[in-house]
PDB file of N, CA and C in Angstrom:
ATOM      1  N   MET A   1      21.065  -0.858   6.999  1.00  0.00           N
ATOM      2  CA  MET A   1      19.768  -1.035   6.360  1.00  0.00           C
ATOM      3  C   MET A   1      18.395  -0.494   6.501  1.00  0.00           C
ATOM      4  N   LEU A   2      17.277  -0.337   5.518  1.00  0.00           N
ATOM      5  CA  LEU A   2      16.647   0.549   5.788  1.00  0.00           C
ATOM      6  C   LEU A   2      15.294  -0.685   6.589  1.00  0.00           C
ATOM      7  N   SER A   3      14.933   0.231   7.814  1.00  0.00           N
ATOM      8  CA  SER A   3      13.977  -0.407   8.643  1.00  0.00           C
ATOM      9  C   SER A   3      12.128  -0.867   7.643  1.00  0.00           C
ATOM     10  N   CYS A   4      11.640  -1.424   8.429  1.00  0.00           N
ATOM     11  CA  CYS A   4      10.250  -2.138   7.045  1.00  0.00           C
ATOM     12  C   CYS A   4       9.535  -0.749   7.488  1.00  0.00           C
ATOM     13  N   LYS A   5       9.842   0.326   8.320  1.00  0.00           N
ATOM     14  CA  LYS A   5       8.754   1.608   8.455  1.00  0.00           C
ATOM     15  C   LYS A   5       9.515   2.560   7.512  1.00  0.00           C
ATOM     16  N   GLU A   6      10.721   2.413   7.070  1.00  0.00           N
ATOM     17  CA  GLU A   6      11.134   3.062   5.792  1.00  0.00           C
ATOM     18  C   GLU A   6      10.928   2.882   4.366  1.00  0.00           C
ATOM     19  N   PHE A   7      10.943   1.458   4.285  1.00  0.00           N
ATOM     20  CA  PHE A   7      10.433   0.469   3.045  1.00  0.00           C
ATOM     21  C   PHE A   7       9.305   0.952   3.123  1.00  0.00           C
ATOM     22  N   VAL A   8       8.706   1.237   4.076  1.00  0.00           N
ATOM     23  CA  VAL A   8       6.786   1.284   3.241  1.00  0.00           C
ATOM     24  C   VAL A   8       6.918   2.476   3.168  1.00  0.00           C
ATOM     25  N   GLU A   9       7.679   3.896   3.582  1.00  0.00           N
ATOM     26  CA  GLU A   9       7.549   4.837   3.522  1.00  0.00           C
ATOM     27  C   GLU A   9       8.174   5.071   1.669  1.00  0.00           C
ATOM     28  N   GLN A  10       8.531   4.319   1.695  1.00  0.00           N
ATOM     29  CA  GLN A  10       9.001   4.545  -0.105  1.00  0.00           C
ATOM     30  C   GLN A  10       8.331   3.619  -1.003  1.00  0.00           C
ATOM     31  N   LEU A  11       7.541   3.421  -0.719  1.00  0.00           N
ATOM     32  CA  LEU A  11       6.424   2.205  -1.410  1.00  0.00           C
ATOM     33  C   LEU A  11       6.053   2.893  -2.228  1.00  0.00           C
ATOM     34  N   ALA A  12       5.379   3.777  -2.238  1.00  0.00           N
ATOM     35  CA  ALA A  12       4.486   4.661  -3.281  1.00  0.00           C
ATOM     36  C   ALA A  12       5.805   4.961  -4.361  1.00  0.00           C
ATOM     37  N   LYS A  13       6.976   5.017  -4.127  1.00  0.00           N
ATOM     38  CA  LYS A  13       7.697   5.643  -5.301  1.00  0.00           C
ATOM     39  C   LYS A  13       7.918   4.102  -5.667  1.00  0.00           C
ATOM     40  N   ILE A  14       8.132   3.567  -5.573  1.00  0.00           N
ATOM     41  CA  ILE A  14       8.768   1.901  -6.007  1.00  0.00           C
ATOM     42  C   ILE A  14       7.461   1.668  -7.029  1.00  0.00           C
ATOM     43  N   ILE A  15       6.318   1.429  -6.522  1.00  0.00           N
ATOM     44  CA  ILE A  15       5.508   1.204  -7.364  1.00  0.00           C
ATOM     45  C   ILE A  15       5.035   1.627  -8.219  1.00  0.00           C
ATOM     46  N   ASP A  16       5.379   3.079  -8.073  1.00  0.00           N
ATOM     47  CA  ASP A  16       5.372   4.037  -9.203  1.00  0.00           C
ATOM     48  C   ASP A  16       6.092   4.247 -10.028  1.00  0.00           C
ATOM     49  N   ASN A  17       7.646   3.288  -9.923  1.00  0.00           N
ATOM     50  CA  ASN A  17       8.859   3.700 -10.683  1.00  0.00           C
ATOM     51  C   ASN A  17       9.346   4.665 -10.644  1.00  0.00           C
ATOM     52  N   GLU A  18       8.987   5.280  -9.543  1.00  0.00           N
ATOM     53  CA  GLU A  18       9.913   7.139  -9.712  1.00  0.00           C
ATOM     54  C   GLU A  18      11.293   6.928  -9.335  1.00  0.00           C
ATOM     55  N   GLU A  19      11.911   8.007  -9.617  1.00  0.00           N
ATOM     56  CA  GLU A  19      12.881   8.199  -9.368  1.00  0.00           C
ATOM     57  C   GLU A  19      13.445   8.052  -7.818  1.00  0.00           C
ATOM     58  N   LEU A  20      14.513   6.564  -8.130  1.00  0.00           N
ATOM     59  CA  LEU A  20      15.378   6.328  -6.733  1.00  0.00           C
ATOM     60  C   LEU A  20      16.542   6.443  -7.035  1.00  0.00           C
ATOM     61  N   THR A  21      17.304   7.358  -5.519  1.00  0.00           N
ATOM     62  CA  THR A  21      18.945   7.246  -5.811  1.00  0.00           C
ATOM     63  C   THR A  21      19.395   6.044  -6.301  1.00  0.00           C
ATOM     64  N   LEU A  22      20.446   5.803  -6.495  1.00  0.00           N
ATOM     65  CA  LEU A  22      21.294   4.177  -6.341  1.00  0.00           C
ATOM     66  C   LEU A  22      21.074   3.651  -5.291  1.00  0.00           C
ATOM     67  N   GLY A  23      21.616   4.574  -4.039  1.00  0.00           N
ATOM     68  CA  GLY A  23      21.565   4.134  -2.834  1.00  0.00           C
ATOM     69  C   GLY A  23      20.220   3.649  -2.021  1.00  0.00           C
ATOM     70  N   GLN A  24      19.322   4.368  -2.635  1.00  0.00           N
ATOM     71  CA  GLN A  24      18.122   4.031  -2.515  1.00  0.00           C
ATOM     72  C   GLN A  24      17.310   2.480  -2.695  1.00  0.00           C
ATOM     73  N   LYS A  25      17.647   2.403  -4.265  1.00  0.00           N
ATOM     74  CA  LYS A  25      17.734   0.881  -4.442  1.00  0.00           C
ATOM     75  C   LYS A  25      18.451  -0.438  -4.751  1.00  0.00           C
ATOM     76  N   LEU A  26      19.370  -0.043  -3.721  1.00  0.00           N
ATOM     77  CA  LEU A  26      20.311  -0.738  -3.112  1.00  0.00           C
ATOM     78  C   LEU A  26      19.290  -1.149  -1.580  1.00  0.00           C
ATOM     79  N   ASN A  27      19.314  -0.205  -0.966  1.00  0.00           N
ATOM     80  CA  ASN A  27      19.274  -0.153  -0.178  1.00  0.00           C
ATOM     81  C   ASN A  27      17.609  -1.234   0.163  1.00  0.00           C
ATOM     82  N   ASN A  28      17.075  -0.882  -0.494  1.00  0.00           N
ATOM     83  CA  ASN A  28      15.337  -1.461  -0.995  1.00  0.00           C
ATOM     84  C   ASN A  28      15.762  -3.022  -1.552  1.00  0.00           C
ATOM     85  N   LYS A  29      16.510  -3.232  -1.958  1.00  0.00           N
ATOM     86  CA  LYS A  29      16.578  -4.480  -2.410  1.00  0.00           C
ATOM     87  C   LYS A  29      17.625  -5.385  -1.038  1.00  0.00           C
ATOM     88  N   LEU A  30      17.848  -4.508  -1.096  1.00  0.00           N
ATOM     89  CA  LEU A  30      18.559  -5.123   0.423  1.00  0.00           C
ATOM     90  C   LEU A  30      17.683  -5.354   1.264  1.00  0.00           C
ATOM     91  N   HIS A  31      17.072  -4.785   1.782  1.00  0.00           N
ATOM     92  CA  HIS A  31      15.613  -4.834   2.733  1.00  0.00           C
ATOM     93  C   HIS A  31      14.609  -6.183   1.968  1.00  0.00           C
ATOM     94  N   LEU A  32      14.844  -5.780   0.995  1.00  0.00           N
ATOM     95  CA  LEU A  32      13.834  -7.173   0.344  1.00  0.00           C
ATOM     96  C   LEU A  32      14.200  -8.830   0.586  1.00  0.00           C
ATOM     97  N   PHE A  33      15.869  -8.525   0.735  1.00  0.00           N
ATOM     98  CA  PHE A  33      16.509  -9.934   0.511  1.00  0.00           C
ATOM     99  C   PHE A  33      16.400 -10.401   1.658  1.00  0.00           C
ATOM    100  N   PHE A  34      16.047  -9.677   3.104  1.00  0.00           N
ATOM    101  CA  PHE A  34      16.366 -10.165   4.325  1.00  0.00           C
ATOM    102  C   PHE A  34      15.266  -9.983   4.831  1.00  0.00           C
ATOM    103  N   CYS A  35      13.554  -9.374   4.521  1.00  0.00           N
ATOM    104  CA  CYS A  35      12.711  -9.440   4.878  1.00  0.00           C
ATOM    105  C   CYS A  35      11.576  -9.560   4.082  1.00  0.00           C
ATOM    106  N   HIS A  36      11.219 -11.115   4.248  1.00  0.00           N
ATOM    107  CA  HIS A  36      10.022 -11.552   3.394  1.00  0.00           C
ATOM    108  C   HIS A  36       8.770 -11.259   3.754  1.00  0.00           C
ATOM    109  N   HIS A  37       8.622  -9.935   5.236  1.00  0.00           N
ATOM    110  CA  HIS A  37       7.243  -9.672   5.388  1.00  0.00           C
ATOM    111  C   HIS A  37       6.834  -7.776   4.728  1.00  0.00           C
ATOM    112  N   CYS A  38       7.770  -7.444   4.243  1.00  0.00           N
ATOM    113  CA  CYS A  38       8.328  -6.305   3.128  1.00  0.00           C
ATOM    114  C   CYS A  38       8.189  -6.836   1.584  1.00  0.00           C
ATOM    115  N   LYS A  39       8.846  -7.799   1.062  1.00  0.00           N
ATOM    116  CA  LYS A  39       8.607  -8.889   0.273  1.00  0.00           C
ATOM    117  C   LYS A  39       6.886  -8.867  -0.279  1.00  0.00           C
ATOM    118  N   THR A  40       6.410  -9.818   0.833  1.00  0.00           N
ATOM    119  CA  THR A  40       5.203  -9.950   0.553  1.00  0.00           C
ATOM    120  C   THR A  40       4.290  -8.798   0.956  1.00  0.00           C
ATOM    121  N   TYR A  41       4.722  -7.829   1.349  1.00  0.00           N
ATOM    122  CA  TYR A  41       3.375  -6.600   1.128  1.00  0.00           C
ATOM    123  C   TYR A  41       3.942  -5.873  -0.200  1.00  0.00           C
ATOM    124  N   LEU A  42       4.992  -5.653  -0.437  1.00  0.00           N
ATOM    125  CA  LEU A  42       5.273  -5.186  -2.305  1.00  0.00           C
ATOM    126  C   LEU A  42       4.398  -5.980  -2.853  1.00  0.00           C
ATOM    127  N   LYS A  43       4.458  -7.322  -3.134  1.00  0.00           N
ATOM    128  CA  LYS A  43       3.836  -8.048  -3.908  1.00  0.00           C
ATOM    129  C   LYS A  43       2.467  -7.581  -3.947  1.00  0.00           C
ATOM    130  N   GLN A  44       1.930  -7.998  -2.898  1.00  0.00           N
ATOM    131  CA  GLN A  44       0.431  -7.619  -2.510  1.00  0.00           C
ATOM    132  C   GLN A  44       0.437  -6.392  -3.083  1.00  0.00           C
ATOM    133  N   ALA A  45       1.076  -5.115  -2.653  1.00  0.00           N
ATOM    134  CA  ALA A  45       0.068  -4.080  -3.258  1.00  0.00           C
ATOM    135  C   ALA A  45       0.686  -4.044  -4.727  1.00  0.00           C
ATOM    136  N   LYS A  46       1.597  -4.346  -4.926  1.00  0.00           N
ATOM    137  CA  LYS A  46       1.486  -4.174  -6.486  1.00  0.00           C
ATOM    138  C   LYS A  46       0.086  -4.949  -7.570  1.00  0.00           C
ATOM    139  N   ILE A  47      -0.019  -6.135  -7.020  1.00  0.00           N
ATOM    140  CA  ILE A  47      -1.390  -6.540  -7.240  1.00  0.00           C
ATOM    141  C   ILE A  47      -2.430  -5.625  -6.957  1.00  0.00           C
ATOM    142  N   THR A  48      -2.814  -4.704  -5.769  1.00  0.00           N
ATOM    143  CA  THR A  48      -4.026  -4.052  -5.650  1.00  0.00           C
ATOM    144  C   THR A  48      -3.792  -3.157  -6.287  1.00  0.00           C
ATOM    145  N   VAL A  49      -2.605  -2.653  -6.910  1.00  0.00           N
ATOM    146  CA  VAL A  49      -2.323  -1.294  -8.056  1.00  0.00           C
ATOM    147  C   VAL A  49      -3.251  -1.744  -9.199  1.00  0.00           C
ATOM    148  N   ALA A  50      -2.570  -2.844  -9.241  1.00  0.00           N
ATOM    149  CA  ALA A  50      -2.721  -3.448 -11.138  1.00  0.00           C
ATOM    150  C   ALA A  50      -4.519  -3.598 -10.994  1.00  0.00           C
ATOM    151  N   VAL A  51      -4.999  -4.053 -10.079  1.00  0.00           N
ATOM    152  CA  VAL A  51      -6.597  -4.326 -10.273  1.00  0.00           C
ATOM    153  C   VAL A  51      -6.928  -2.871  -9.977  1.00  0.00           C
ATOM    154  N   ALA A  52      -6.859  -2.039  -8.919  1.00  0.00           N
ATOM    155  CA  ALA A  52      -7.483  -0.889  -9.324  1.00  0.00           C
ATOM    156  C   ALA A  52      -7.710  -0.462 -10.402  1.00  0.00           C
ATOM    157  N   LYS A  53      -6.382  -0.381 -11.453  1.00  0.00           N
ATOM    158  CA  LYS A  53      -6.349  -0.270 -12.434  1.00  0.00           C
ATOM    159  C   LYS A  53      -7.147  -0.335 -13.622  1.00  0.00           C
ATOM    160  N   LYS A  54      -7.292  -1.617 -13.637  1.00  0.00           N
ATOM    161  CA  LYS A  54      -8.073  -2.021 -14.287  1.00  0.00           C
ATOM    162  C   LYS A  54      -9.522  -1.867 -14.201  1.00  0.00           C
ATOM    163  N   LEU A  55     -10.139  -1.576 -12.713  1.00  0.00           N
ATOM    164  CA  LEU A  55     -11.706  -1.346 -13.060  1.00  0.00           C
ATOM    165  C   LEU A  55     -11.909  -0.112 -13.355  1.00  0.00           C
ATOM    166  N   ASP A  56     -12.893  -0.018 -13.969  1.00  0.00           N
ATOM    167  CA  ASP A  56     -13.446   0.531 -14.811  1.00  0.00           C
ATOM    168  C   ASP A  56     -14.542   1.371 -13.995  1.00  0.00           C
ATOM    169  N   CYS A  57     -14.483   2.412 -13.709  1.00  0.00           N
ATOM    170  CA  CYS A  57     -15.318   2.862 -12.136  1.00  0.00           C
ATOM    171  C   CYS A  57     -15.636   4.303 -11.943  1.00  0.00           C
ATOM    172  N   GLU A  58     -16.037   5.239 -11.690  1.00  0.00           N
ATOM    173  CA  GLU A  58     -16.139   6.602 -11.167  1.00  0.00           C
ATOM    174  C   GLU A  58     -15.494   6.468  -9.633  1.00  0.00           C
ATOM    175  N   PRO A  59     -14.488   6.729  -9.402  1.00  0.00           N
ATOM    176  CA  PRO A  59     -14.482   7.583  -8.183  1.00  0.00           C
ATOM    177  C   PRO A  59     -15.665   7.632  -7.383  1.00  0.00           C
ATOM    178  N   PRO A  60     -15.654   7.582  -6.067  1.00  0.00           N
ATOM    179  CA  PRO A  60     -16.270   7.689  -4.856  1.00  0.00           C
ATOM    180  C   PRO A  60     -16.564   9.119  -4.792  1.00  0.00           C
ATOM    181  N   THR A  61     -17.954   9.560  -5.000  1.00  0.00           N
ATOM    182  CA  THR A  61     -18.173  10.987  -4.151  1.00  0.00           C
ATOM    183  C   THR A  61     -18.109  11.208  -2.680  1.00  0.00           C
ATOM    184  N   SER A  62     -17.899  12.461  -2.296  1.00  0.00           N
ATOM    185  CA  SER A  62     -17.608  12.791  -0.814  1.00  0.00           C
ATOM    186  C   SER A  62     -18.989  12.569  -0.179  1.00  0.00           C
ATOM    187  N   THR A  63     -19.941  12.121  -0.717  1.00  0.00           N
ATOM    188  CA  THR A  63     -21.083  12.270  -0.075  1.00  0.00           C
ATOM    189  C   THR A  63     -21.359  10.458   0.031  1.00  0.00           C
ATOM    190  N   GLN A  64     -20.804   9.819  -0.860  1.00  0.00           N
ATOM    191  CA  GLN A  64     -20.738   8.399  -0.766  1.00  0.00           C
ATOM    192  C   GLN A  64     -19.792   7.896   0.580  1.00  0.00           C
ATOM    193  N   ILE A  65     -18.367   8.113   0.415  1.00  0.00           N
ATOM    194  CA  ILE A  65     -17.599   8.392   1.479  1.00  0.00           C
ATOM    195  C   ILE A  65     -18.060   8.522   3.076  1.00  0.00           C
ATOM    196  N   GLU A  66     -18.688  10.019   3.010  1.00  0.00           N
ATOM    197  CA  GLU A  66     -19.233  10.093   4.156  1.00  0.00           C
ATOM    198  C   GLU A  66     -20.246   9.161   4.556  1.00  0.00           C
ATOM    199  N   GLN A  67     -21.085   8.654   4.277  1.00  0.00           N
ATOM    200  CA  GLN A  67     -22.053   7.799   4.419  1.00  0.00           C
ATOM    201  C   GLN A  67     -21.377   6.195   4.731  1.00  0.00           C
ATOM    202  N   SER A  68     -20.362   5.624   3.801  1.00  0.00           N
ATOM    203  CA  SER A  68     -19.542   4.870   4.337  1.00  0.00           C
ATOM    204  C   SER A  68     -19.274   4.766   5.574  1.00  0.00           C
ATOM    205  N   ILE A  69     -18.265   5.961   6.091  1.00  0.00           N
ATOM    206  CA  ILE A  69     -17.809   6.495   7.558  1.00  0.00           C
ATOM    207  C   ILE A  69     -18.702   6.358   8.076  1.00  0.00           C
ATOM    208  N   ALA A  70     -19.818   6.761   7.663  1.00  0.00           N
ATOM    209  CA  ALA A  70     -21.212   6.700   9.327  1.00  0.00           C
ATOM    210  C   ALA A  70     -21.411   5.110   9.649  1.00  0.00           C
ATOM    211  N   GLU A  71     -21.417   4.715   8.487  1.00  0.00           N
ATOM    212  CA  GLU A  71     -22.005   3.038   8.453  1.00  0.00           C
ATOM    213  C   GLU A  71     -20.763   2.343   9.255  1.00  0.00           C
ATOM    214  N   MET A  72     -19.735   2.486   9.022  1.00  0.00           N
ATOM    215  CA  MET A  72     -18.485   1.829   9.338  1.00  0.00           C
ATOM    216  C   MET A  72     -18.775   2.489  11.263  1.00  0.00           C
ATOM    217  N   LYS A  73     -18.484   3.333  11.493  1.00  0.00           N
ATOM    218  CA  LYS A  73     -18.713   4.129  12.895  1.00  0.00           C
ATOM    219  C   LYS A  73     -19.889   3.277  13.776  1.00  0.00           C
ATOM    220  N   GLY A  74     -20.818   2.785  12.850  1.00  0.00           N
ATOM    221  CA  GLY A  74     -21.969   2.198  13.860  1.00  0.00           C
ATOM    222  C   GLY A  74     -22.359   0.681  13.993  1.00  0.00           C
ATOM    223  N   PHE A  75     -20.856   0.480  13.056  1.00  0.00           N
ATOM    224  CA  PHE A  75     -20.686  -1.082  13.167  1.00  0.00           C
ATOM    225  C   PHE A  75     -20.107  -1.419  14.256  1.00  0.00           C
ATOM    226  N   SER A  76     -20.683  -2.579  14.940  1.00  0.00           N
ATOM    227  CA  SER A  76     -19.882  -3.211  16.437  1.00  0.00           C
ATOM    228  C   SER A  76     -19.087  -4.563  16.251  1.00  0.00           C
ATOM    229  N   VAL A  77     -18.303  -4.852  16.430  1.00  0.00           N
ATOM    230  CA  VAL A  77     -18.005  -6.543  16.838  1.00  0.00           C
ATOM    231  C   VAL A  77     -18.346  -7.110  17.996  1.00  0.00           C
ATOM    232  N   SER A  78     -19.589  -7.690  17.696  1.00  0.00           N
ATOM    233  CA  SER A  78     -19.539  -8.660  19.112  1.00  0.00           C
ATOM    234  C   SER A  78     -18.772  -9.630  19.833  1.00  0.00           C
ATOM    235  N   GLN A  79     -18.564  -9.489  21.283  1.00  0.00           N
ATOM    236  CA  GLN A  79     -17.209 -10.570  21.510  1.00  0.00           C
ATOM    237  C   GLN A  79     -17.997 -11.585  22.491  1.00  0.00           C
ATOM    238  N   GLU A  80     -17.705 -12.939  22.316  1.00  0.00           N
ATOM    239  CA  GLU A  80     -18.340 -13.690  22.840  1.00  0.00           C
ATOM    240  C   GLU A  80     -17.120 -14.068  23.987  1.00  0.00           C
TER     241      GLU A  80
END
């Protein structure tokens, strides 16, 4: 049976409905039958992809990405 790590590595192929061998499909189904964590993760990933496809916006520029990274690096969480 697949490990969770192996399942997640195939997640993009599963979501994009790419060609998987019969063995891979069976292993994925078997893993999802026993692992509710990966089942939930797959469901959330499919929802995220569906929402992202419905968004009608331009992808961020490299400058915007760099600014966001810089802002996140400056963010600190205070612990009490």
